Amino acid sequence: MTNIYIDTTTGLLVGAEYRPSPNYNERPQNAVIDTIVIHNASLPKGHFGGEAITDLFCNRLDLTSHPTFAYLAGVKVSAHLLIRRDGKIVQYVPFTKRAWHAGVSQLNGRENFNDFSIGIELEGTDDIKYEEIQYQQLGLVTFLLMQVYPKITPENLVAHSTIAPTRKTDPGPAFLWEKYRSMLQE
């Protein structure tokens, strides 16, 4: 992806495909964006490609299209970005808005991570190796976000499982944190 940057007036990643989700709201007044939460998603689990993740984030997933989708009835979720297996980046919510990605969350006395974080989904599962291009794109996006939101530091890059350990396991043991963090030092 060439010529990629963050448009600070729109909160959009220029160069990404924008597929607006209705599942967001305003951040609390005086909220400072200082954290990136890393997630994974595949629908159905372990199946990559297709439109199911986008359909879920845009409230149009056909729950009858796969037997495992029934549990998603009434679920309203989103993320700021999805990085697909081929490296393509899809944005659903402007960075300036509060995406609904973290849910009930807490770490070090801080709660409600949606208020001050950016949620990035990697197309994948906890136990399937992520693609090299996904790490490259994640590293690039993280670098850009750190430039626009200087309170985001390497210490504030967290797993969904870290902020919601009783509910979530993503991005899982297949995600190489050392590799990700080393990309930010290059």
N, C-alpha and C. Protein backbone atom coordinates (compact mmCIF):
# COMPACT_ATOMS: atom_id res chain seq x y z
N MET A 1 0.86 -1.17 0.00
CA MET A 1 0.00 0.00 0.00
C MET A 1 0.90 1.22 0.00
N THR A 2 0.88 1.95 -1.08
CA THR A 2 1.73 3.13 -1.17
C THR A 2 0.93 4.38 -0.85
N ASN A 3 1.64 5.42 -0.45
CA ASN A 3 1.03 6.70 -0.14
C ASN A 3 -0.09 6.57 0.89
N ILE A 4 0.21 5.90 1.96
CA ILE A 4 -0.75 5.70 3.04
C ILE A 4 -0.45 6.71 4.15
N TYR A 5 -1.49 7.36 4.63
CA TYR A 5 -1.34 8.32 5.72
C TYR A 5 -2.68 8.51 6.40
N ILE A 6 -2.65 9.15 7.55
CA ILE A 6 -3.88 9.43 8.30
C ILE A 6 -4.30 10.86 8.02
N ASP A 7 -5.51 11.02 7.55
CA ASP A 7 -6.09 12.34 7.35
C ASP A 7 -6.66 12.78 8.71
N THR A 8 -6.01 13.72 9.34
CA THR A 8 -6.42 14.10 10.70
C THR A 8 -7.73 14.88 10.72
N THR A 9 -8.19 15.38 9.58
CA THR A 9 -9.48 16.08 9.57
C THR A 9 -10.64 15.10 9.53
N THR A 10 -10.44 13.94 8.88
CA THR A 10 -11.52 12.96 8.77
C THR A 10 -11.35 11.78 9.73
N GLY A 11 -10.12 11.58 10.21
CA GLY A 11 -9.84 10.41 11.04
C GLY A 11 -9.73 9.13 10.24
N LEU A 12 -9.52 9.27 8.93
CA LEU A 12 -9.46 8.09 8.06
C LEU A 12 -8.04 7.80 7.61
N LEU A 13 -7.78 6.53 7.39
CA LEU A 13 -6.51 6.08 6.85
C LEU A 13 -6.61 6.14 5.33
N VAL A 14 -5.97 7.14 4.74
CA VAL A 14 -5.99 7.29 3.30
C VAL A 14 -5.19 6.14 2.70
N GLY A 15 -5.79 5.45 1.77
CA GLY A 15 -5.18 4.27 1.17
C GLY A 15 -5.90 3.00 1.59
N ALA A 16 -6.70 3.09 2.66
CA ALA A 16 -7.51 1.94 3.08
C ALA A 16 -8.88 2.02 2.43
N GLU A 17 -9.54 0.90 2.31
CA GLU A 17 -10.92 0.89 1.85
C GLU A 17 -11.81 1.31 3.02
N TYR A 18 -12.69 2.25 2.81
CA TYR A 18 -13.57 2.71 3.89
C TYR A 18 -14.95 2.08 3.71
N ARG A 19 -15.37 1.31 4.71
CA ARG A 19 -16.68 0.66 4.72
C ARG A 19 -17.36 1.07 6.03
N PRO A 20 -18.04 2.21 6.06
CA PRO A 20 -18.55 2.77 7.31
C PRO A 20 -19.49 1.83 8.07
N SER A 21 -19.19 1.67 9.35
CA SER A 21 -20.04 0.90 10.26
C SER A 21 -20.92 1.86 11.05
N PRO A 22 -22.15 1.47 11.33
CA PRO A 22 -22.99 2.29 12.20
C PRO A 22 -22.68 2.07 13.69
N ASN A 23 -21.79 1.12 13.98
CA ASN A 23 -21.53 0.73 15.36
C ASN A 23 -20.37 1.53 15.96
N TYR A 24 -20.67 2.77 16.27
CA TYR A 24 -19.69 3.66 16.90
C TYR A 24 -20.46 4.79 17.55
N ASN A 25 -19.77 5.56 18.35
CA ASN A 25 -20.33 6.79 18.89
C ASN A 25 -19.17 7.74 19.20
N GLU A 26 -19.50 8.86 19.80
CA GLU A 26 -18.48 9.84 20.13
C GLU A 26 -17.66 9.35 21.32
N ARG A 27 -16.40 9.68 21.32
CA ARG A 27 -15.57 9.41 22.49
C ARG A 27 -15.98 10.39 23.59
N PRO A 28 -15.75 10.03 24.85
CA PRO A 28 -16.04 10.99 25.92
C PRO A 28 -15.23 12.28 25.73
N GLN A 29 -15.82 13.37 26.15
CA GLN A 29 -15.11 14.64 26.06
C GLN A 29 -13.79 14.52 26.83
N ASN A 30 -12.75 15.07 26.29
CA ASN A 30 -11.39 15.05 26.86
C ASN A 30 -10.72 13.68 26.83
N ALA A 31 -11.30 12.71 26.12
CA ALA A 31 -10.63 11.40 25.98
C ALA A 31 -9.36 11.58 25.16
N VAL A 32 -8.27 10.97 25.61
CA VAL A 32 -7.00 11.02 24.90
C VAL A 32 -6.72 9.63 24.35
N ILE A 33 -6.57 9.52 23.05
CA ILE A 33 -6.29 8.23 22.42
C ILE A 33 -4.85 7.86 22.74
N ASP A 34 -4.66 6.76 23.48
CA ASP A 34 -3.32 6.38 23.92
C ASP A 34 -3.03 4.89 23.84
N THR A 35 -3.95 4.11 23.28
CA THR A 35 -3.80 2.65 23.29
C THR A 35 -4.27 2.07 21.96
N ILE A 36 -3.60 1.00 21.55
CA ILE A 36 -4.07 0.20 20.42
C ILE A 36 -4.36 -1.20 20.97
N VAL A 37 -5.55 -1.69 20.67
CA VAL A 37 -5.96 -3.04 21.07
C VAL A 37 -5.94 -3.92 19.82
N ILE A 38 -5.18 -5.02 19.91
CA ILE A 38 -5.06 -5.97 18.80
C ILE A 38 -6.05 -7.11 19.01
N HIS A 39 -6.83 -7.38 17.97
CA HIS A 39 -7.86 -8.43 17.97
C HIS A 39 -7.59 -9.38 16.81
N ASN A 40 -8.39 -10.45 16.76
CA ASN A 40 -8.46 -11.24 15.53
C ASN A 40 -9.91 -11.56 15.25
N ALA A 41 -10.18 -11.84 13.99
CA ALA A 41 -11.54 -12.18 13.57
C ALA A 41 -11.49 -13.06 12.34
N SER A 42 -12.39 -14.02 12.30
CA SER A 42 -12.66 -14.80 11.10
C SER A 42 -14.08 -15.32 11.25
N LEU A 43 -14.81 -15.29 10.16
CA LEU A 43 -16.19 -15.75 10.16
C LEU A 43 -16.45 -16.55 8.90
N PRO A 44 -16.89 -17.82 9.07
CA PRO A 44 -16.84 -18.58 10.31
C PRO A 44 -15.39 -18.77 10.77
N LYS A 45 -15.24 -19.20 12.01
CA LYS A 45 -13.91 -19.33 12.58
C LYS A 45 -13.01 -20.18 11.68
N GLY A 46 -11.84 -19.60 11.39
CA GLY A 46 -10.86 -20.31 10.57
C GLY A 46 -11.07 -20.16 9.07
N HIS A 47 -12.12 -19.46 8.66
CA HIS A 47 -12.37 -19.20 7.24
C HIS A 47 -11.97 -17.77 6.94
N PHE A 48 -11.17 -17.61 5.90
CA PHE A 48 -10.65 -16.29 5.57
C PHE A 48 -11.17 -15.83 4.22
N GLY A 49 -11.20 -14.51 4.04
CA GLY A 49 -11.74 -13.93 2.82
C GLY A 49 -13.24 -13.76 2.97
N GLY A 50 -13.85 -13.25 1.95
CA GLY A 50 -15.29 -13.04 1.98
C GLY A 50 -15.68 -11.78 2.73
N GLU A 51 -16.97 -11.59 2.87
CA GLU A 51 -17.52 -10.35 3.42
C GLU A 51 -18.12 -10.50 4.82
N ALA A 52 -18.00 -11.66 5.44
CA ALA A 52 -18.71 -11.89 6.71
C ALA A 52 -18.29 -10.91 7.81
N ILE A 53 -17.00 -10.60 7.94
CA ILE A 53 -16.57 -9.67 8.98
C ILE A 53 -17.15 -8.29 8.71
N THR A 54 -17.03 -7.84 7.48
CA THR A 54 -17.61 -6.53 7.12
C THR A 54 -19.12 -6.54 7.35
N ASP A 55 -19.77 -7.61 6.96
CA ASP A 55 -21.22 -7.69 7.16
C ASP A 55 -21.57 -7.63 8.65
N LEU A 56 -20.79 -8.29 9.49
CA LEU A 56 -21.03 -8.21 10.93
C LEU A 56 -20.86 -6.78 11.42
N PHE A 57 -19.77 -6.14 11.05
CA PHE A 57 -19.50 -4.77 11.52
C PHE A 57 -20.49 -3.76 10.97
N CYS A 58 -21.15 -4.10 9.87
CA CYS A 58 -22.11 -3.19 9.25
C CYS A 58 -23.57 -3.62 9.49
N ASN A 59 -23.77 -4.56 10.41
CA ASN A 59 -25.10 -5.03 10.84
C ASN A 59 -25.92 -5.64 9.71
N ARG A 60 -25.25 -6.34 8.81
CA ARG A 60 -26.00 -6.98 7.72
C ARG A 60 -25.60 -8.45 7.52
N LEU A 61 -25.01 -9.05 8.54
CA LEU A 61 -24.62 -10.46 8.45
C LEU A 61 -25.87 -11.33 8.44
N ASP A 62 -25.97 -12.19 7.44
CA ASP A 62 -27.07 -13.15 7.34
C ASP A 62 -26.78 -14.27 8.33
N LEU A 63 -27.48 -14.27 9.43
CA LEU A 63 -27.23 -15.24 10.50
C LEU A 63 -27.57 -16.67 10.09
N THR A 64 -28.33 -16.83 9.01
CA THR A 64 -28.68 -18.17 8.54
C THR A 64 -27.66 -18.70 7.54
N SER A 65 -26.65 -17.90 7.18
CA SER A 65 -25.69 -18.33 6.17
C SER A 65 -24.66 -19.33 6.70
N HIS A 66 -24.56 -19.46 8.01
CA HIS A 66 -23.67 -20.47 8.59
C HIS A 66 -24.21 -20.83 9.97
N PRO A 67 -24.22 -22.12 10.34
CA PRO A 67 -24.81 -22.53 11.61
C PRO A 67 -24.16 -21.90 12.85
N THR A 68 -22.89 -21.52 12.74
CA THR A 68 -22.22 -20.94 13.91
C THR A 68 -22.53 -19.46 14.11
N PHE A 69 -23.27 -18.85 13.20
CA PHE A 69 -23.55 -17.41 13.30
C PHE A 69 -24.70 -17.08 14.24
N ALA A 70 -25.45 -18.06 14.68
CA ALA A 70 -26.64 -17.80 15.50
C ALA A 70 -26.32 -17.00 16.75
N TYR A 71 -25.15 -17.24 17.36
CA TYR A 71 -24.79 -16.54 18.60
C TYR A 71 -24.56 -15.05 18.37
N LEU A 72 -24.48 -14.62 17.13
CA LEU A 72 -24.23 -13.21 16.81
C LEU A 72 -25.51 -12.39 16.69
N ALA A 73 -26.66 -13.03 16.90
CA ALA A 73 -27.94 -12.30 16.82
C ALA A 73 -27.93 -11.12 17.79
N GLY A 74 -28.22 -9.96 17.27
CA GLY A 74 -28.30 -8.75 18.10
C GLY A 74 -26.98 -8.12 18.47
N VAL A 75 -25.87 -8.73 18.07
CA VAL A 75 -24.55 -8.20 18.41
C VAL A 75 -24.26 -6.97 17.55
N LYS A 76 -23.81 -5.91 18.20
CA LYS A 76 -23.43 -4.67 17.52
C LYS A 76 -21.97 -4.39 17.87
N VAL A 77 -21.08 -4.69 16.93
CA VAL A 77 -19.64 -4.52 17.16
C VAL A 77 -19.01 -3.85 15.93
N SER A 78 -17.81 -3.36 16.15
CA SER A 78 -17.03 -2.80 15.05
C SER A 78 -15.57 -2.76 15.50
N ALA A 79 -14.75 -2.28 14.63
CA ALA A 79 -13.35 -2.01 14.93
C ALA A 79 -12.99 -0.81 14.06
N HIS A 80 -11.88 -0.20 14.36
CA HIS A 80 -11.43 0.88 13.49
C HIS A 80 -10.92 0.31 12.17
N LEU A 81 -10.10 -0.76 12.27
CA LEU A 81 -9.49 -1.34 11.08
C LEU A 81 -9.55 -2.86 11.11
N LEU A 82 -9.52 -3.43 9.91
CA LEU A 82 -9.30 -4.85 9.70
C LEU A 82 -8.13 -4.98 8.73
N ILE A 83 -7.16 -5.79 9.08
CA ILE A 83 -6.07 -6.10 8.17
C ILE A 83 -6.27 -7.55 7.70
N ARG A 84 -6.60 -7.67 6.43
CA ARG A 84 -6.89 -8.99 5.86
C ARG A 84 -5.61 -9.81 5.67
N ARG A 85 -5.75 -11.07 5.38
CA ARG A 85 -4.61 -11.99 5.21
C ARG A 85 -3.70 -11.55 4.07
N ASP A 86 -4.26 -10.88 3.07
CA ASP A 86 -3.45 -10.42 1.94
C ASP A 86 -2.89 -9.02 2.15
N GLY A 87 -3.10 -8.45 3.35
CA GLY A 87 -2.57 -7.13 3.67
C GLY A 87 -3.51 -5.98 3.38
N LYS A 88 -4.61 -6.25 2.72
CA LYS A 88 -5.58 -5.19 2.44
C LYS A 88 -6.14 -4.66 3.77
N ILE A 89 -6.25 -3.35 3.85
CA ILE A 89 -6.76 -2.72 5.07
C ILE A 89 -8.14 -2.14 4.79
N VAL A 90 -9.07 -2.46 5.67
CA VAL A 90 -10.43 -1.93 5.60
C VAL A 90 -10.67 -1.13 6.87
N GLN A 91 -11.17 0.09 6.71
CA GLN A 91 -11.51 0.92 7.87
C GLN A 91 -13.02 0.98 7.99
N TYR A 92 -13.50 0.86 9.25
CA TYR A 92 -14.93 0.87 9.52
C TYR A 92 -15.37 2.10 10.32
N VAL A 93 -14.49 2.60 11.16
CA VAL A 93 -14.81 3.73 12.03
C VAL A 93 -13.63 4.70 12.00
N PRO A 94 -13.89 6.00 11.84
CA PRO A 94 -12.79 6.97 11.92
C PRO A 94 -12.08 6.86 13.28
N PHE A 95 -10.79 7.11 13.28
CA PHE A 95 -10.02 7.00 14.53
C PHE A 95 -10.51 7.97 15.60
N THR A 96 -11.08 9.06 15.19
CA THR A 96 -11.56 10.07 16.13
C THR A 96 -12.82 9.62 16.86
N LYS A 97 -13.48 8.60 16.36
CA LYS A 97 -14.73 8.10 16.96
C LYS A 97 -14.46 6.85 17.80
N ARG A 98 -15.42 6.50 18.61
CA ARG A 98 -15.32 5.36 19.53
C ARG A 98 -15.93 4.12 18.87
N ALA A 99 -15.07 3.25 18.35
CA ALA A 99 -15.54 1.97 17.80
C ALA A 99 -15.91 1.05 18.95
N TRP A 100 -16.78 0.10 18.68
CA TRP A 100 -17.25 -0.83 19.70
C TRP A 100 -16.51 -2.16 19.57
N HIS A 101 -15.26 -2.17 20.00
CA HIS A 101 -14.40 -3.34 19.80
C HIS A 101 -13.97 -4.01 21.09
N ALA A 102 -13.81 -3.28 22.17
CA ALA A 102 -13.21 -3.85 23.38
C ALA A 102 -14.23 -4.46 24.33
N GLY A 103 -15.44 -3.95 24.34
CA GLY A 103 -16.44 -4.43 25.28
C GLY A 103 -16.05 -4.13 26.71
N VAL A 104 -16.56 -4.91 27.64
CA VAL A 104 -16.20 -4.73 29.04
C VAL A 104 -14.70 -4.99 29.15
N SER A 105 -13.96 -4.01 29.63
CA SER A 105 -12.51 -4.10 29.59
C SER A 105 -11.90 -3.33 30.76
N GLN A 106 -10.74 -3.83 31.21
CA GLN A 106 -10.07 -3.23 32.36
C GLN A 106 -8.61 -3.66 32.39
N LEU A 107 -7.73 -2.73 32.75
CA LEU A 107 -6.33 -3.05 32.93
C LEU A 107 -5.70 -1.93 33.76
N ASN A 108 -4.97 -2.32 34.79
CA ASN A 108 -4.26 -1.36 35.64
C ASN A 108 -5.16 -0.23 36.12
N GLY A 109 -6.38 -0.58 36.51
CA GLY A 109 -7.31 0.41 37.06
C GLY A 109 -8.05 1.23 36.02
N ARG A 110 -7.77 1.02 34.75
CA ARG A 110 -8.48 1.72 33.68
C ARG A 110 -9.56 0.81 33.12
N GLU A 111 -10.72 1.38 32.88
CA GLU A 111 -11.84 0.62 32.33
C GLU A 111 -12.31 1.26 31.02
N ASN A 112 -13.23 0.57 30.35
CA ASN A 112 -13.87 1.11 29.15
C ASN A 112 -12.86 1.50 28.07
N PHE A 113 -12.09 0.53 27.61
CA PHE A 113 -11.02 0.80 26.66
C PHE A 113 -11.51 1.38 25.34
N ASN A 114 -12.77 1.18 24.98
CA ASN A 114 -13.28 1.80 23.76
C ASN A 114 -13.12 3.32 23.81
N ASP A 115 -13.16 3.89 25.00
CA ASP A 115 -13.11 5.35 25.15
C ASP A 115 -11.81 5.95 24.64
N PHE A 116 -10.69 5.26 24.81
CA PHE A 116 -9.38 5.87 24.55
C PHE A 116 -8.48 5.01 23.67
N SER A 117 -9.05 3.99 23.04
CA SER A 117 -8.20 3.10 22.23
C SER A 117 -8.65 3.03 20.78
N ILE A 118 -7.77 2.49 19.98
CA ILE A 118 -8.04 2.17 18.58
C ILE A 118 -8.01 0.65 18.47
N GLY A 119 -9.05 0.09 17.89
CA GLY A 119 -9.15 -1.36 17.74
C GLY A 119 -8.76 -1.80 16.35
N ILE A 120 -7.79 -2.70 16.27
CA ILE A 120 -7.33 -3.23 14.99
C ILE A 120 -7.53 -4.75 14.99
N GLU A 121 -8.32 -5.20 14.04
CA GLU A 121 -8.58 -6.63 13.84
C GLU A 121 -7.61 -7.18 12.81
N LEU A 122 -7.05 -8.32 13.09
CA LEU A 122 -6.28 -9.07 12.10
C LEU A 122 -7.15 -10.23 11.67
N GLU A 123 -7.29 -10.42 10.36
CA GLU A 123 -8.05 -11.58 9.90
C GLU A 123 -7.24 -12.82 10.28
N GLY A 124 -7.79 -13.58 11.21
CA GLY A 124 -7.07 -14.75 11.67
C GLY A 124 -7.74 -15.38 12.87
N THR A 125 -7.04 -16.34 13.44
CA THR A 125 -7.50 -17.03 14.65
C THR A 125 -6.34 -17.09 15.64
N ASP A 126 -6.64 -17.47 16.85
CA ASP A 126 -5.62 -17.54 17.90
C ASP A 126 -4.47 -18.48 17.56
N ASP A 127 -4.76 -19.52 16.79
CA ASP A 127 -3.78 -20.58 16.62
C ASP A 127 -3.30 -20.82 15.19
N ILE A 128 -3.63 -19.93 14.27
CA ILE A 128 -3.12 -20.02 12.90
C ILE A 128 -2.17 -18.86 12.67
N LYS A 129 -0.99 -19.19 12.18
CA LYS A 129 0.05 -18.18 11.96
C LYS A 129 -0.49 -17.01 11.13
N TYR A 130 -0.17 -15.80 11.56
CA TYR A 130 -0.54 -14.61 10.80
C TYR A 130 0.44 -14.44 9.64
N GLU A 131 0.00 -13.76 8.59
CA GLU A 131 0.81 -13.58 7.39
C GLU A 131 1.83 -12.45 7.59
N GLU A 132 2.96 -12.58 6.95
CA GLU A 132 4.01 -11.56 7.02
C GLU A 132 3.48 -10.18 6.61
N ILE A 133 2.67 -10.14 5.57
CA ILE A 133 2.13 -8.85 5.10
C ILE A 133 1.22 -8.22 6.16
N GLN A 134 0.56 -9.04 6.96
CA GLN A 134 -0.27 -8.48 8.04
C GLN A 134 0.60 -7.77 9.06
N TYR A 135 1.73 -8.38 9.43
CA TYR A 135 2.65 -7.72 10.36
C TYR A 135 3.19 -6.42 9.75
N GLN A 136 3.53 -6.46 8.48
CA GLN A 136 4.07 -5.26 7.83
C GLN A 136 3.04 -4.13 7.85
N GLN A 137 1.82 -4.46 7.49
CA GLN A 137 0.76 -3.44 7.48
C GLN A 137 0.44 -2.96 8.89
N LEU A 138 0.39 -3.88 9.84
CA LEU A 138 0.13 -3.50 11.23
C LEU A 138 1.24 -2.59 11.75
N GLY A 139 2.49 -2.92 11.44
CA GLY A 139 3.61 -2.08 11.86
C GLY A 139 3.52 -0.69 11.26
N LEU A 140 3.19 -0.61 9.98
CA LEU A 140 3.06 0.69 9.31
C LEU A 140 1.93 1.51 9.91
N VAL A 141 0.77 0.90 10.07
CA VAL A 141 -0.38 1.61 10.64
C VAL A 141 -0.07 2.06 12.06
N THR A 142 0.55 1.20 12.84
CA THR A 142 0.89 1.57 14.22
C THR A 142 1.84 2.75 14.23
N PHE A 143 2.85 2.72 13.38
CA PHE A 143 3.79 3.84 13.28
C PHE A 143 3.05 5.14 12.96
N LEU A 144 2.15 5.10 11.99
CA LEU A 144 1.38 6.29 11.62
C LEU A 144 0.51 6.77 12.78
N LEU A 145 -0.14 5.83 13.45
CA LEU A 145 -0.99 6.21 14.59
C LEU A 145 -0.17 6.83 15.71
N MET A 146 1.03 6.32 15.93
CA MET A 146 1.89 6.87 16.98
C MET A 146 2.33 8.30 16.63
N GLN A 147 2.42 8.61 15.34
CA GLN A 147 2.77 9.97 14.94
C GLN A 147 1.61 10.93 15.20
N VAL A 148 0.40 10.49 14.91
CA VAL A 148 -0.78 11.34 15.08
C VAL A 148 -1.22 11.40 16.54
N TYR A 149 -1.08 10.28 17.24
CA TYR A 149 -1.50 10.19 18.65
C TYR A 149 -0.27 9.84 19.48
N PRO A 150 0.54 10.83 19.85
CA PRO A 150 1.83 10.56 20.50
C PRO A 150 1.74 9.90 21.88
N LYS A 151 0.56 9.82 22.46
CA LYS A 151 0.41 9.11 23.75
C LYS A 151 0.40 7.60 23.55
N ILE A 152 0.24 7.14 22.29
CA ILE A 152 0.35 5.70 22.00
C ILE A 152 1.83 5.37 22.02
N THR A 153 2.21 4.51 22.94
CA THR A 153 3.60 4.09 23.09
C THR A 153 3.64 2.56 22.97
N PRO A 154 4.83 1.99 22.81
CA PRO A 154 4.91 0.52 22.74
C PRO A 154 4.29 -0.17 23.96
N GLU A 155 4.31 0.47 25.11
CA GLU A 155 3.71 -0.11 26.31
C GLU A 155 2.19 -0.13 26.23
N ASN A 156 1.63 0.68 25.34
CA ASN A 156 0.18 0.78 25.20
C ASN A 156 -0.35 0.04 23.99
N LEU A 157 0.36 -0.98 23.57
CA LEU A 157 -0.10 -1.88 22.52
C LEU A 157 -0.51 -3.16 23.24
N VAL A 158 -1.80 -3.45 23.27
CA VAL A 158 -2.29 -4.55 24.11
C VAL A 158 -3.16 -5.52 23.32
N ALA A 159 -3.22 -6.72 23.84
CA ALA A 159 -4.09 -7.75 23.29
C ALA A 159 -5.49 -7.58 23.87
N HIS A 160 -6.48 -7.96 23.09
CA HIS A 160 -7.85 -7.99 23.60
C HIS A 160 -7.92 -8.87 24.84
N SER A 161 -7.18 -9.97 24.81
CA SER A 161 -7.18 -10.90 25.95
C SER A 161 -6.59 -10.27 27.21
N THR A 162 -5.74 -9.28 27.06
CA THR A 162 -5.13 -8.63 28.23
C THR A 162 -6.13 -7.74 28.95
N ILE A 163 -7.02 -7.10 28.19
CA ILE A 163 -7.97 -6.17 28.80
C ILE A 163 -9.32 -6.82 29.10
N ALA A 164 -9.53 -8.04 28.60
CA ALA A 164 -10.77 -8.78 28.86
C ALA A 164 -10.44 -10.26 29.03
N PRO A 165 -9.59 -10.60 30.01
CA PRO A 165 -9.06 -11.97 30.10
C PRO A 165 -10.09 -13.05 30.41
N THR A 166 -11.21 -12.70 30.99
CA THR A 166 -12.20 -13.74 31.28
C THR A 166 -13.14 -13.98 30.09
N ARG A 167 -13.07 -13.11 29.09
CA ARG A 167 -13.96 -13.24 27.93
C ARG A 167 -13.25 -13.53 26.62
N LYS A 168 -12.02 -13.06 26.48
CA LYS A 168 -11.37 -13.08 25.17
C LYS A 168 -10.00 -13.74 25.22
N THR A 169 -9.58 -14.31 24.07
CA THR A 169 -8.28 -14.95 23.97
C THR A 169 -7.44 -14.36 22.84
N ASP A 170 -8.01 -13.45 22.07
CA ASP A 170 -7.32 -12.94 20.89
C ASP A 170 -6.33 -11.81 21.22
N PRO A 171 -5.29 -11.68 20.41
CA PRO A 171 -5.03 -12.34 19.14
C PRO A 171 -4.42 -13.72 19.26
N GLY A 172 -4.20 -14.20 20.48
CA GLY A 172 -3.79 -15.58 20.69
C GLY A 172 -2.30 -15.83 20.57
N PRO A 173 -1.90 -17.08 20.85
CA PRO A 173 -0.49 -17.44 20.83
C PRO A 173 0.14 -17.40 19.44
N ALA A 174 -0.66 -17.40 18.38
CA ALA A 174 -0.09 -17.33 17.03
C ALA A 174 0.43 -15.93 16.71
N PHE A 175 0.02 -14.92 17.49
CA PHE A 175 0.48 -13.56 17.23
C PHE A 175 1.84 -13.36 17.88
N LEU A 176 2.79 -12.89 17.08
CA LEU A 176 4.16 -12.72 17.55
C LEU A 176 4.40 -11.27 17.99
N TRP A 177 4.24 -11.05 19.29
CA TRP A 177 4.37 -9.69 19.83
C TRP A 177 5.77 -9.13 19.63
N GLU A 178 6.78 -9.97 19.81
CA GLU A 178 8.17 -9.50 19.64
C GLU A 178 8.40 -9.01 18.21
N LYS A 179 7.91 -9.76 17.26
CA LYS A 179 8.03 -9.39 15.84
C LYS A 179 7.34 -8.05 15.60
N TYR A 180 6.13 -7.92 16.09
CA TYR A 180 5.35 -6.68 15.93
C TYR A 180 6.09 -5.50 16.53
N ARG A 181 6.50 -5.63 17.77
CA ARG A 181 7.17 -4.50 18.43
C ARG A 181 8.52 -4.16 17.78
N SER A 182 9.22 -5.17 17.27
CA SER A 182 10.51 -4.91 16.63
C SER A 182 10.33 -4.10 15.35
N MET A 183 9.20 -4.24 14.69
CA MET A 183 8.93 -3.47 13.48
C MET A 183 8.81 -1.98 13.77
N LEU A 184 8.48 -1.64 14.97
CA LEU A 184 8.31 -0.24 15.35
C LEU A 184 9.64 0.43 15.66
N GLN A 185 10.68 -0.37 15.77
CA GLN A 185 12.01 0.16 16.10
C GLN A 185 12.88 0.34 14.85
N GLU A 186 12.37 -0.10 13.71
CA GLU A 186 13.16 -0.04 12.47
C GLU A 186 13.14 1.35 11.88
